[in-house]
Amino acid sequence: MRYGIIIALALAAGGPAAAQEAPVRLAPHRAVYDLSLASSRGARTVDSARGRIAFDFTGNACEGYSLKFRQVTEIQSSEGGSKTSDLRSANFESGDGRSFRFRNDTGDGDSPLQTVDGEAERKAGGPLTTKIRSPKRETASLDGEAVFPNTQMRDLIAAAKAGRSTMSEKVFDGSDDGRTVYETLAVIGKRIEPGAGEGLEAPAREGDLGKLARWPVSMSYFKLGRKAETPVYVLSFDVYENGVSRALKLDYGDFALAGKMTRFEPLPDKSSCQR
């Protein structure tokens, strides 16, 4: 799963209308989501699936944002038997959205984890530059319009608050080989008022989340230059004003997983950051 999270804020959020909004502040928090099979289609039928996502997010716009993320998924199919995937990710994005450090470890439960470790930097008017340390040292220049995940999330919330129904951006999140830029298209639904809606999980009914508005979002990820083709995957979720997500759906084409929030814990932010 990508918590993709992108051109300048004014453009993404509709220009002058966005300037009237209070700054988007992403809330430090921990969350856990239980995964289950939502649907299966195509030639490679999946009979059942289960798993869990653990998400630990800290920081602010002054000091930068840190994310620790793990997703373990077990998939059962009559043709391929049981397969387990284990994705562990840790990254840091500077508060100004100019630099990004990332480490992703992936495995199948049997073989050693495969690691992609590196950093990326955005410079005004120039390309996005990545420096990979593992699996081998290399440097690459990528599309300079791409932004990092937390910038994307802030832009998305600003666009939703401004009444936008779509948002299109290029994003780099360090996934795959650490040199991949995705084109994304977000379709944003109508604002849902605090506490509204049936079937809300207990963590979404209580405490801070129960007092916040949210928007349903469907985010499609495309290979660069291939936006007219079928997306690589589609991530759907409800996003709150503070960047927390619920009602996840991870659509990989042949099958889709649903993610139900089972735990939410706000974390303190002792910073005096006002950005």
Foldseek 3Di string as FASTA:
>chain_A
DDLQAAFDLCVLQPHPLLVVDAAQKAFFKKWKWWKKFPDFDDDFGWDIKIWMKIWGWDDTLQAWIKIWIKIWMWIADPVPGIWIKIKIKIKTAHSVQFKMWIKIWIDTVPDGTAIWGWMWGADPPAFIKIFTPPPHTDIDTHHNRATERNVRNSSVLSNLVSVHQKGWRKYQHCPDNRHFIWIKMKGKAHKDAQQDDPPADPVCCDDPNSHWIKIKMKMFTDGPPPPVDHGQWIWIWIATSNGDTAFIWIGRPRTIMTIHIPDMGGDDDPDPDSD
